[in-house]
Protein backbone atom coordinates (compact mmCIF):
# COMPACT_ATOMS: atom_id res chain seq x y z
CA MET A 1 -18.26 22.33 -6.82
CA ALA A 2 -20.93 21.00 -8.94
CA ASP A 3 -24.60 22.37 -7.10
CA GLU A 4 -26.16 18.55 -7.18
CA PRO A 5 -23.71 15.84 -6.85
CA GLN A 6 -24.42 12.68 -9.54
CA GLU A 7 -23.96 9.56 -7.91
CA ALA A 8 -22.25 7.01 -9.36
CA ASP A 9 -22.81 3.83 -11.13
CA SER A 10 -23.63 0.63 -8.61
CA ALA A 11 -22.25 -1.31 -10.79
CA THR A 12 -18.50 0.43 -10.89
CA ILE A 13 -18.90 1.71 -7.60
CA GLY A 14 -16.16 0.21 -5.52
CA ALA A 15 -14.82 -1.52 -9.03
CA PRO A 16 -10.92 -2.57 -7.90
CA ARG A 17 -7.93 -0.84 -8.75
CA HIS A 18 -5.51 -1.81 -6.27
CA GLY A 19 -4.17 -5.44 -6.56
CA ALA A 20 -6.90 -6.20 -9.37
CA ALA A 21 -5.21 -4.70 -12.74
CA GLU A 22 -4.86 -7.60 -15.16
CA PRO A 23 -1.11 -9.05 -15.54
CA ARG A 24 1.12 -8.38 -18.36
CA GLY A 25 0.56 -11.34 -20.37
CA GLN A 26 0.41 -15.24 -19.80
CA ASP A 27 3.50 -16.50 -21.34
CA GLY A 28 6.44 -15.63 -19.03
CA VAL A 29 8.99 -12.18 -19.75
CA PRO A 30 12.31 -12.51 -20.42
CA LEU A 31 14.88 -11.24 -18.04
CA SER A 32 15.19 -7.44 -17.38
CA PRO A 33 19.08 -6.21 -18.56
CA LEU A 34 18.45 -3.29 -16.49
CA HIS A 35 19.14 -2.52 -12.89
CA GLU A 36 17.75 1.53 -13.28
CA GLY A 37 14.67 3.56 -13.67
CA ARG A 38 11.89 0.80 -14.31
CA PHE A 39 11.08 -1.91 -13.33
CA GLY A 40 13.13 -4.90 -12.88
CA ARG A 41 14.49 -7.30 -10.79
CA ILE A 42 16.77 -8.29 -7.75
CA PHE A 43 17.56 -11.39 -8.22
CA ARG A 44 18.54 -12.24 -11.73
CA ASP A 45 19.66 -15.87 -11.93
CA PRO A 46 17.16 -17.99 -10.92
CA GLN A 47 14.55 -18.97 -13.77
CA PRO A 48 11.02 -18.17 -13.54
CA LEU A 49 8.71 -20.06 -12.40
CA ASP A 50 5.47 -21.67 -14.37
CA PRO A 51 3.47 -23.85 -12.30
CA GLY A 52 0.64 -23.94 -15.10
CA LEU A 53 -2.77 -22.79 -14.86
CA ASP A 54 -4.21 -26.56 -12.75
CA ALA A 55 -1.47 -25.34 -9.85
CA ILE A 56 -2.45 -21.56 -9.72
CA ASN A 57 -6.15 -22.79 -9.53
CA ALA A 58 -5.78 -25.16 -6.83
CA LEU A 59 -3.54 -22.54 -5.24
CA THR A 60 -6.30 -20.42 -5.01
CA LYS A 61 -9.22 -23.21 -3.69
CA LEU A 62 -6.58 -23.55 -0.74
CA VAL A 63 -6.29 -20.26 0.14
CA LYS A 64 -10.46 -20.01 -0.24
CA GLU A 65 -10.65 -22.74 1.74
CA SER A 66 -8.28 -21.35 4.32
CA GLY A 67 -9.50 -17.88 4.40
CA SER A 68 -12.92 -19.67 5.80
CA ALA A 69 -11.67 -20.51 8.80
CA ALA A 70 -10.77 -17.35 11.47
CA ALA A 71 -7.27 -16.20 10.68
CA GLY A 72 -7.87 -14.24 13.57
CA ASP A 73 -6.43 -10.48 14.48
CA ASN A 74 -3.10 -9.05 14.14
CA ALA A 75 -2.44 -7.78 17.39
CA LYS A 76 1.13 -6.38 16.63
CA ILE A 77 -1.10 -4.27 13.57
CA PRO A 78 -4.02 -2.51 13.64
CA ALA A 79 -6.13 -1.82 11.39
CA GLY A 80 -4.99 1.14 10.00
CA TYR A 81 -1.69 -0.33 8.50
CA THR A 82 -2.83 -2.16 6.47
CA TYR A 83 -4.43 1.04 4.62
CA LEU A 84 -1.14 3.26 4.94
CA GLY A 85 0.54 0.27 3.34
CA GLN A 86 -2.30 0.55 -0.12
CA PHE A 87 -1.48 4.18 0.38
CA VAL A 88 2.66 4.19 -0.24
CA ASP A 89 2.06 1.61 -2.66
CA HIS A 90 0.36 4.45 -4.71
CA ASP A 91 3.09 6.96 -3.52
CA ILE A 92 6.21 4.61 -5.18
CA THR A 93 4.41 2.29 -8.22
CA PHE A 94 1.93 3.49 -10.76
CA ASP A 95 1.22 1.46 -14.37
CA PRO A 96 -1.63 2.99 -15.65
CA LEU A 97 -0.85 0.80 -19.21
CA SER A 98 -1.02 -2.88 -17.70
CA LYS A 99 -3.02 -5.03 -19.59
CA LEU A 100 -3.41 -8.66 -19.42
CA GLN A 101 -2.74 -8.92 -23.37
CA LYS A 102 0.81 -6.78 -23.41
CA ASP A 103 3.30 -9.36 -23.11
CA ASN A 104 6.40 -6.77 -21.81
CA ASP A 105 9.15 -7.21 -20.42
CA PRO A 106 9.56 -5.41 -16.62
CA ASP A 107 12.15 -3.00 -18.63
CA ALA A 108 9.10 -1.73 -20.82
CA LEU A 109 6.74 -1.23 -18.07
CA VAL A 110 7.39 2.50 -16.96
CA ASP A 111 6.82 3.09 -13.82
CA PHE A 112 5.02 6.23 -14.56
CA ARG A 113 4.84 7.12 -10.18
CA THR A 114 8.53 7.85 -9.08
CA PRO A 115 10.09 4.98 -7.04
CA ARG A 116 10.06 7.85 -4.14
CA PHE A 117 8.33 8.63 -1.30
CA ASP A 118 7.61 11.93 -2.26
CA LEU A 119 4.20 11.83 -1.62
CA ASP A 120 3.35 12.73 -5.32
CA SER A 121 0.08 11.01 -4.77
CA LEU A 122 -0.14 14.08 -2.54
CA TYR A 123 1.09 16.93 -4.70
CA GLY A 124 0.47 15.66 -8.28
CA SER A 125 3.13 17.83 -9.89
CA GLY A 126 2.93 20.94 -7.92
CA PRO A 127 0.46 24.11 -7.44
CA ASP A 128 1.47 25.26 -11.29
CA ASP A 129 0.66 21.94 -13.14
CA GLU A 130 -2.20 21.06 -11.46
CA PRO A 131 -3.63 24.12 -9.51
CA PHE A 132 -7.23 22.00 -9.81
CA MET A 133 -5.65 20.57 -6.55
CA TYR A 134 -5.10 23.44 -4.75
CA GLU A 135 -6.58 26.29 -2.67
CA TRP A 136 -6.71 29.84 -4.44
CA SER A 137 -9.59 31.71 -3.12
CA SER A 138 -7.46 32.19 0.27
CA PRO A 139 -4.64 35.13 -0.71
CA SER A 140 -2.40 34.14 2.03
CA ASN A 141 -2.85 30.17 0.96
CA ARG A 142 -2.85 30.62 -2.83
CA GLY A 143 -0.88 27.50 -4.39
CA VAL A 144 -0.11 26.53 -0.76
CA LYS A 145 -2.32 24.59 0.54
CA LEU A 146 -4.30 21.73 -0.38
CA LEU A 147 -7.64 21.77 -1.02
CA VAL A 148 -10.36 20.48 1.09
CA GLY A 149 -13.65 19.62 -0.65
CA ARG A 150 -17.00 20.69 0.79
CA ASN A 151 -20.51 19.77 0.64
CA PRO A 152 -23.41 21.29 2.16
CA SER A 153 -24.30 21.00 5.44
CA SER A 154 -27.28 19.52 5.62
CA GLY A 155 -27.83 16.37 2.51
CA ALA A 156 -26.98 13.01 1.94
CA PHE A 157 -23.08 13.43 2.32
CA ASP A 158 -20.60 14.71 5.29
CA ILE A 159 -19.27 18.00 4.82
CA ALA A 160 -15.35 17.71 4.40
CA ASP A 161 -14.38 15.52 1.99
CA LEU A 162 -11.73 15.13 -1.21
CA PRO A 163 -12.68 17.85 -3.35
CA ARG A 164 -14.52 16.10 -6.39
CA ASN A 165 -16.11 16.73 -9.84
CA GLN A 166 -19.76 16.75 -10.51
CA GLN A 167 -19.55 12.82 -10.79
CA GLY A 168 -17.95 12.38 -7.54
CA ARG A 169 -14.73 11.39 -8.66
CA ALA A 170 -11.72 12.97 -6.44
CA LEU A 171 -9.84 15.20 -7.70
CA ILE A 172 -6.28 14.32 -6.31
CA GLY A 173 -3.11 13.14 -7.60
CA ASP A 174 -3.67 8.95 -8.24
CA PRO A 175 -7.18 8.27 -8.74
CA ARG A 176 -6.48 4.70 -6.74
CA ASN A 177 -6.57 6.90 -3.90
CA ASP A 178 -10.23 7.12 -3.73
CA GLU A 179 -11.27 3.14 -4.18
CA ASN A 180 -12.62 2.83 -1.21
CA ILE A 181 -13.63 5.28 1.40
CA ILE A 182 -10.50 4.69 3.80
CA VAL A 183 -8.03 5.07 1.49
CA SER A 184 -9.77 8.23 0.53
CA GLN A 185 -9.75 9.15 3.92
CA LEU A 186 -6.49 8.54 4.53
CA GLN A 187 -5.59 11.28 1.29
CA LEU A 188 -7.90 13.22 2.95
CA LEU A 189 -6.68 12.98 6.10
CA PHE A 190 -2.75 13.72 4.55
CA ILE A 191 -4.07 16.81 3.25
CA ARG A 192 -5.12 18.44 6.31
CA PHE A 193 -1.59 16.88 7.45
CA HIS A 194 -0.21 19.13 4.88
CA ASN A 195 -2.38 21.87 5.33
CA LYS A 196 -1.28 21.86 9.62
CA VAL A 197 2.67 21.26 8.70
CA VAL A 198 1.78 25.22 6.06
CA ASP A 199 0.41 26.66 9.40
CA ARG A 200 3.44 25.54 11.64
CA THR A 201 6.02 26.38 9.17
CA ARG A 202 4.31 29.83 8.30
CA ALA A 203 4.70 30.82 12.06
CA ASN A 204 7.95 29.84 12.86
CA GLN A 205 10.04 30.40 10.05
CA LYS A 206 7.38 33.36 8.66
CA LEU A 207 7.98 32.14 4.82
CA GLU A 208 5.07 33.30 2.20
CA GLY A 209 4.19 31.88 -1.43
CA ALA A 210 6.44 29.26 -3.29
CA ALA A 211 8.89 29.49 -0.69
CA LEU A 212 6.75 28.06 2.17
CA PHE A 213 4.92 26.05 0.18
CA GLU A 214 8.52 24.33 -0.56
CA GLU A 215 9.34 23.93 2.74
CA ALA A 216 6.51 22.69 4.69
CA GLN A 217 6.03 19.92 1.44
CA ARG A 218 9.04 19.04 2.48
CA ILE A 219 8.82 18.94 6.22
CA THR A 220 5.59 16.77 5.47
CA ARG A 221 7.43 14.36 3.02
CA TRP A 222 10.12 14.22 5.47
CA HIS A 223 7.63 12.83 8.89
CA TYR A 224 6.16 10.57 5.82
CA GLN A 225 9.25 8.73 5.06
CA TRP A 226 10.11 8.70 9.01
CA ILE A 227 6.85 6.85 9.45
CA VAL A 228 7.22 4.36 6.51
CA VAL A 229 10.36 3.26 8.13
CA HIS A 230 10.57 3.30 11.71
CA ASP A 231 6.50 2.83 12.25
CA PHE A 232 5.19 1.30 8.84
CA LEU A 233 8.40 -1.07 8.18
CA GLN A 234 9.27 -2.28 11.86
CA ARG A 235 5.50 -3.41 11.97
CA ILE A 236 5.52 -5.49 9.07
CA VAL A 237 9.01 -7.14 9.51
CA GLY A 238 9.56 -6.84 12.97
CA LYS A 239 12.26 -4.06 14.52
CA GLN A 240 15.44 -6.48 14.44
CA MET A 241 14.76 -6.96 10.68
CA ALA A 242 14.18 -3.63 9.94
CA GLU A 243 17.07 -2.48 11.71
CA SER A 244 19.49 -4.96 10.18
CA VAL A 245 18.98 -2.99 6.84
CA LEU A 246 18.83 0.47 8.34
CA LYS A 247 21.19 0.55 10.94
CA PRO A 248 20.11 3.10 13.95
CA ALA A 249 22.54 5.98 14.50
CA THR A 250 24.48 5.98 17.59
CA ALA A 251 26.46 9.11 19.41
CA THR A 252 28.74 9.35 16.67
CA THR A 253 27.53 8.21 13.72
CA PRO A 254 24.34 8.63 11.10
CA PRO A 255 21.96 5.54 10.22
CA THR A 256 23.10 3.26 7.41
CA THR A 257 22.30 1.49 5.08
CA ASP A 258 23.04 -2.65 4.84
CA LEU A 259 21.53 -3.25 1.49
CA GLN A 260 22.21 -6.93 0.93
CA PHE A 261 20.47 -7.70 -2.53
CA PHE A 262 18.84 -4.36 -3.83
CA ARG A 263 21.05 -2.67 -6.12
CA TRP A 264 20.80 -0.24 -8.89
CA GLN A 265 22.99 1.42 -10.73
CA ASN A 266 22.10 4.96 -11.18
CA ASP A 267 18.70 5.45 -9.70
CA PRO A 268 16.28 2.70 -7.76
CA PHE A 269 14.24 0.48 -9.63
CA MET A 270 10.39 -0.95 -8.88
CA PRO A 271 11.74 -4.62 -8.19
CA VAL A 272 9.13 -7.09 -10.05
CA GLU A 273 9.52 -9.23 -6.55
CA PHE A 274 8.51 -6.66 -4.59
CA SER A 275 5.67 -5.49 -6.62
CA GLY A 276 4.27 -8.52 -7.78
CA ALA A 277 5.19 -10.71 -4.71
CA ALA A 278 6.15 -10.16 -1.35
CA TYR A 279 4.74 -6.09 -1.15
CA ARG A 280 1.39 -8.35 -1.75
CA PHE A 281 0.90 -9.50 2.06
CA GLY A 282 -1.42 -6.76 2.64
CA HIS A 283 -4.12 -8.20 1.04
CA SER A 284 -4.43 -10.65 4.02
CA MET A 285 -4.56 -7.95 6.18
CA VAL A 286 -7.65 -7.04 4.45
CA ARG A 287 -10.74 -7.65 7.20
CA ALA A 288 -14.44 -8.29 5.22
CA THR A 289 -16.08 -5.41 7.98
CA TYR A 290 -15.25 -2.30 9.29
CA ASP A 291 -16.34 0.02 12.36
CA LEU A 292 -15.72 3.86 10.68
CA ASN A 293 -16.60 5.18 14.02
CA ALA A 294 -18.71 4.69 16.76
CA VAL A 295 -22.06 4.76 15.25
CA VAL A 296 -20.86 3.41 11.59
CA THR A 297 -20.01 -0.18 12.11
CA GLY A 298 -19.71 -3.54 10.21
CA VAL A 299 -19.83 -1.94 6.52
CA PRO A 300 -18.30 -4.56 4.09
CA ILE A 301 -15.23 -3.55 2.61
CA PHE A 302 -16.88 -4.89 -1.14
CA ALA A 303 -20.86 -5.23 -1.84
CA ALA A 304 -22.50 -7.91 -2.15
CA ALA A 305 -24.19 -8.71 -5.79
CA ASP A 306 -27.56 -9.02 -3.66
CA LYS A 307 -26.52 -5.67 -1.91
CA PRO A 308 -25.05 -2.91 -4.37
CA GLY A 309 -26.67 -0.10 -2.36
CA PRO A 310 -24.00 2.99 -2.05
CA LEU A 311 -24.64 2.74 1.78
CA GLU A 312 -23.67 -1.15 2.22
CA HIS A 313 -20.12 -1.15 1.09
CA LEU A 314 -16.65 0.98 1.34
CA GLY A 315 -16.42 0.81 -2.45
CA GLY A 316 -14.81 4.47 -3.29
CA PHE A 317 -15.04 6.84 -6.08
CA ARG A 318 -18.20 9.11 -4.46
CA ARG A 319 -18.95 10.99 -2.14
CA LEU A 320 -18.66 10.28 1.80
CA PRO A 321 -21.81 9.30 2.93
CA SER A 322 -23.25 11.00 5.46
CA ALA A 323 -21.70 9.84 9.10
CA TRP A 324 -18.96 7.88 7.45
CA THR A 325 -16.47 10.32 8.47
CA ILE A 326 -13.48 7.82 10.33
CA ASP A 327 -12.87 8.03 13.75
CA TRP A 328 -9.17 7.29 13.20
CA SER A 329 -8.79 5.80 16.71
CA HIS A 330 -10.66 3.10 15.30
CA PHE A 331 -7.68 2.23 13.13
CA PHE A 332 -4.85 3.68 15.04
CA LYS A 333 -3.86 3.89 18.74
CA THR A 334 -4.10 7.65 18.93
CA THR A 335 -4.94 7.70 22.57
CA ALA A 336 -4.10 5.24 25.70
CA SER A 337 -7.71 4.24 25.71
CA ALA A 338 -8.40 3.57 22.58
CA ARG A 339 -9.17 0.32 20.77
CA PRO A 340 -8.30 0.03 17.67
CA GLN A 341 -9.87 -2.81 15.32
CA LEU A 342 -7.08 -4.90 14.53
CA SER A 343 -5.47 -6.40 10.66
CA ARG A 344 -5.82 -9.43 10.19
CA LYS A 345 -3.50 -11.83 10.49
CA ILE A 346 -0.73 -12.25 7.57
CA ASP A 347 -0.79 -15.80 6.06
CA THR A 348 -2.66 -17.33 3.35
CA SER A 349 -6.02 -16.86 5.00
CA VAL A 350 -7.58 -13.99 2.60
CA ALA A 351 -11.09 -12.57 3.32
CA ALA A 352 -13.55 -13.83 1.74
CA PRO A 353 -14.49 -10.86 0.36
CA LEU A 354 -11.25 -10.51 -1.96
CA HIS A 355 -12.68 -14.32 -3.80
CA LYS A 356 -15.30 -12.15 -4.97
CA LEU A 357 -14.01 -8.86 -6.41
CA PRO A 358 -16.85 -5.82 -7.52
CA PRO A 359 -16.67 -6.43 -11.02
CA GLY A 360 -14.61 -3.47 -13.11
CA LEU A 361 -15.22 -3.38 -16.56
CA ASP A 362 -15.62 -6.59 -17.66
CA ARG A 363 -18.33 -7.12 -15.40
CA GLU A 364 -16.50 -10.54 -14.11
CA ARG A 365 -15.86 -10.96 -10.02
CA HIS A 366 -12.16 -11.72 -9.86
CA ALA A 367 -10.54 -13.89 -6.58
CA LEU A 368 -7.30 -12.01 -5.99
CA PRO A 369 -5.41 -14.53 -4.90
CA GLN A 370 -5.96 -16.01 -8.72
CA LEU A 371 -4.84 -12.56 -9.71
CA ASN A 372 -2.07 -12.35 -7.87
CA LEU A 373 -0.62 -16.10 -9.10
CA ARG A 374 -1.54 -15.23 -12.86
CA ARG A 375 0.14 -11.88 -12.06
CA GLY A 376 3.62 -13.69 -10.56
CA ARG A 377 3.78 -16.23 -13.39
CA ALA A 378 3.24 -13.41 -16.37
CA LEU A 379 6.14 -11.63 -14.68
CA GLY A 380 8.48 -14.33 -14.48
CA LEU A 381 8.86 -14.50 -10.60
CA PRO A 382 11.21 -17.23 -9.92
CA SER A 383 9.94 -19.64 -6.98
CA GLY A 384 9.86 -19.02 -3.01
CA GLN A 385 12.58 -21.47 -2.84
CA ASP A 386 14.49 -20.15 -5.51
CA VAL A 387 14.60 -16.95 -3.98
CA ALA A 388 15.67 -18.62 -0.68
CA ALA A 389 18.25 -20.13 -2.00
CA ALA A 390 19.86 -16.99 -3.11
CA MET A 391 19.50 -15.08 0.40
CA ALA A 392 21.08 -18.38 1.79
CA VAL A 393 18.14 -19.20 3.42
CA THR A 394 16.60 -22.34 4.60
CA PRO A 395 13.70 -22.76 2.70
CA LEU A 396 10.52 -23.87 4.20
CA THR A 397 9.72 -27.54 4.26
CA ALA A 398 6.85 -29.82 2.78
CA ALA A 399 5.36 -29.77 5.94
CA GLN A 400 5.90 -25.82 6.69
CA LEU A 401 4.43 -25.29 2.92
CA GLY A 402 1.28 -26.62 3.86
CA LEU A 403 0.47 -27.84 0.55
CA ASP A 404 -0.61 -31.27 2.10
CA ARG A 405 -4.48 -30.47 1.32
CA VAL A 406 -3.59 -28.98 -2.18
CA ASP A 407 -6.31 -30.42 -5.12
CA LEU A 408 -3.54 -31.67 -7.28
CA PRO A 409 -2.71 -35.37 -8.12
CA PRO A 410 0.55 -36.28 -6.27
CA GLU A 411 2.92 -35.23 -9.05
CA GLY A 412 1.10 -31.63 -9.13
CA LYS A 413 1.40 -31.48 -5.47
CA ALA A 414 5.44 -32.67 -5.52
CA ALA A 415 6.09 -29.99 -8.31
CA LEU A 416 4.41 -27.14 -6.21
CA GLN A 417 6.34 -28.23 -2.51
CA ARG A 418 9.42 -27.91 -4.68
CA ALA A 419 9.03 -24.28 -6.72
CA THR A 420 5.88 -22.77 -5.17
CA PRO A 421 4.55 -19.00 -6.51
CA LEU A 422 6.68 -16.42 -4.51
CA TRP A 423 3.98 -14.70 -3.48
CA PHE A 424 2.12 -17.49 -1.39
CA TYR A 425 5.54 -19.05 -0.15
CA ILE A 426 6.13 -15.35 1.02
CA LEU A 427 2.36 -15.41 3.40
CA ARG A 428 3.52 -18.79 4.32
CA GLU A 429 6.44 -17.87 5.37
CA ALA A 430 4.59 -14.82 7.65
CA ALA A 431 1.90 -18.00 8.72
CA VAL A 432 4.57 -20.26 10.03
CA LEU A 433 7.54 -18.12 11.23
CA GLY A 434 6.98 -14.81 11.87
CA LYS A 435 3.28 -16.29 13.55
CA GLY A 436 1.12 -14.55 11.12
CA GLU A 437 2.32 -11.32 13.13
CA ARG A 438 5.33 -10.00 10.94
CA LEU A 439 6.79 -11.12 7.65
CA GLY A 440 9.49 -14.08 7.34
CA ARG A 441 13.01 -14.00 6.29
CA VAL A 442 12.51 -13.98 2.73
CA GLY A 443 9.46 -11.08 2.27
CA GLY A 444 10.80 -9.55 5.13
CA ARG A 445 14.07 -8.77 3.80
CA ILE A 446 13.16 -8.08 0.42
CA VAL A 447 10.38 -5.57 1.70
CA ALA A 448 12.61 -3.94 3.86
CA GLU A 449 15.26 -3.65 1.49
CA VAL A 450 13.28 -2.06 -1.13
CA LEU A 451 11.62 0.22 1.22
CA VAL A 452 14.75 1.29 3.03
CA GLY A 453 16.55 1.09 -0.77
CA LEU A 454 14.47 3.79 -2.12
CA LEU A 455 14.31 5.68 0.37
CA ALA A 456 18.65 5.76 0.34
CA GLY A 457 18.56 6.61 -3.27
CA ASP A 458 16.17 9.66 -3.55
CA PRO A 459 18.27 12.21 -3.64
CA GLN A 460 15.81 14.45 -2.43
CA SER A 461 14.97 12.25 1.18
CA TYR A 462 16.05 12.72 4.93
CA LEU A 463 17.91 10.28 4.73
CA SER A 464 19.90 11.50 1.99
CA ARG A 465 20.17 15.27 2.62
CA LYS A 466 20.39 15.17 6.58
CA PRO A 467 20.72 11.47 7.81
CA ALA A 468 20.92 12.20 11.03
CA TRP A 469 17.31 14.26 11.19
CA THR A 470 14.47 13.39 13.54
CA PRO A 471 11.18 14.76 13.13
CA ILE A 472 10.44 17.92 14.65
CA LEU A 473 6.79 18.03 15.17
CA PRO A 474 4.83 17.40 18.50
CA SER A 475 4.81 13.61 19.04
CA ALA A 476 4.30 11.26 21.88
CA LYS A 477 8.15 10.49 21.99
CA LYS A 478 10.65 12.90 21.35
CA ASP A 479 12.85 12.65 18.10
CA ASP A 480 10.19 10.21 16.64
CA PHE A 481 7.09 9.99 14.73
CA THR A 482 4.44 7.70 13.82
CA MET A 483 0.94 7.70 12.16
CA PRO A 484 -1.00 8.40 15.42
CA ASP A 485 1.36 11.66 16.27
CA LEU A 486 0.08 12.66 12.40
CA VAL A 487 -3.54 11.83 13.29
CA ARG A 488 -3.33 14.03 16.24
CA PHE A 489 -1.17 16.91 14.68
CA ALA A 490 -2.86 17.01 11.37
CA LEU A 491 -6.23 16.87 13.28
CA GLY A 492 -5.73 18.56 16.72
């Protein structure tokens, strides 16, 4: 650890990574011929939609105008699940080569992050290959526990943080998990969770060394996988949709899957309908400000142009400011009396800061809705109506789409009503059919099938190795495990 950490450049603190990477190409891409191993498509027959830049700009403006009205809180989803969703995304997708000027087929878009819930964003490639992420000073925990960073007990920074280099950059398996203070604290929470599992496993199974690490890693992964499909997914798509895709066990049968659309040949691939549209629903859940604890409240998610200082926003890639340690009862219902702040409703009303992201290396402040729409165009995604038809789902009506106020000539407006970009369509579907509390039939089915399908296709997951398994760690409800349970166990 450095004696004196260096402050990050205020112009790059909070520089966006998640959701803001430029899309590949702007001319559309040919349909992918592969069904495995890389990015591909679920729906292979519908034609790519190119709404044109005028329509993209008009939709961006409409989303911005919708965001100026209070969208309201989502009483069904505490704010912590917004960032759990981001953490999950970083676990299953990683494309470090995505650039606007690269016009690639999805099959050339290698998913460098394995499309599995294996927490490689937490473990990296293991203690032998990435020893800087692991504990080595304690003889009993060498290469077994993950490293927690420590700052001096007095000064400008909180004591416990992610391990960091001299410039304050986190030494973790995925740098994106340091892009804002909430997700970096979530990464630290999972580090502590693994370390507590190590202690419990050592005591219960009398293991040491590599055997202890491997067993603790398995237990950590399986409980995380359970949270993804039984806690997070059910909140996002609704219990009925989630259980229609992952059918619960009965007294005589283990759980079974019903994947009607997401199919693969050998190994699951990452569908662009999911990564480029459906899973971007989480952008609408982001609040403009957050309370970190009882003292540090109302902190903006991004720095304002006139207030770029490090104590003015939640931007990451820096050491944790003093007193900014998150009290997770402000993000998850960890106790009966906890009143966590809520996520925003899932709809086309995106919080104002996302319309003016912090500048990246190009020093431009981009609008995230526009980047999402451009990405969908670059990836050649079909329209929401075509995906609904492929699913045999009744598409949204013109009135339900809410495009009457879009700033386009009549013929342009009519074209958007006939063929709406998938990302916008899924958000409107959630607003109309899910009341902003959950995804609708198209978005919900895509998200549910991909999350469950990735779990089913992983030969090391609990669903593959032991389908009838249920969580073994302490929890509020027997045979269950949720994010509040993880918080209590990790910090207890």
